[in-house]
Amino acid sequence: MENICLSGASKGADVLWAQLAKKLGHTVKAFSFMNHSFAGDRSDLVVLNELQLSEGENLILEANSYLKRNYPSASSYVNNLIRRNYWQLKGSERIYATQELDEDSGLVTGGTGFTVTMGILIGIPEIYLFEPQRNQWLRFTGNKVPGNHWETLTEKPVKPHGIYTGIGAHDLQMNSYIAIKDLMNV
């Protein structure tokens, strides 16, 4: 079976996941769109057109109902970043993310929150989050209902394999960087 890392071509966690996946011989698909300030290896880039970007609109709107964000926003660039997130999880068997978790709502913050919430809604069976404030890996245990359904893992998650999503914060904290490198064992 081929190992494929799906990511978002943004600085920080996306680029790190892609670099480490390639070191392991995994294929990388880094989703982008016209006029996106992408980061990483150009050969991994999958540039989405307007029709492709619109494909996940209903799922994004459903995720937004939980996240209570301003989507669609006044910025087409920001909207396309969120729309691109749908492709980061389309066909994925598991999600690995690093980002902060809002303790009250149990929802992942930042743009990563859209991808994780959409993954929950479509029932991706394995969703892992490295929470930098806790300095711990968590696993989502709910059943298609976003919120406080996270368990703390006593060991790191299973190493990424198959078709997986590797995403996270643009401003990667050192403990998140170490957690990703340790998980990938590179």
Foldseek 3Di string as FASTA:
>chain_A
DAFEEFEAQFADFRQLLVVLCVVVVHQYAHEAEPPGPGHHDPVNYDYDYPVQLCVCVVLLVVLCVLVVDDPPDPDVNVSSSLSSLVVLCVVALEEEEEAAADVVWRAGDDSVSSNVLSCLQVCNPWYWYQHVVVLFIWTADDRNDHGPRIDTDPDQDAARGDYYYTYYDNPYDPSNSVSSCVSSVD
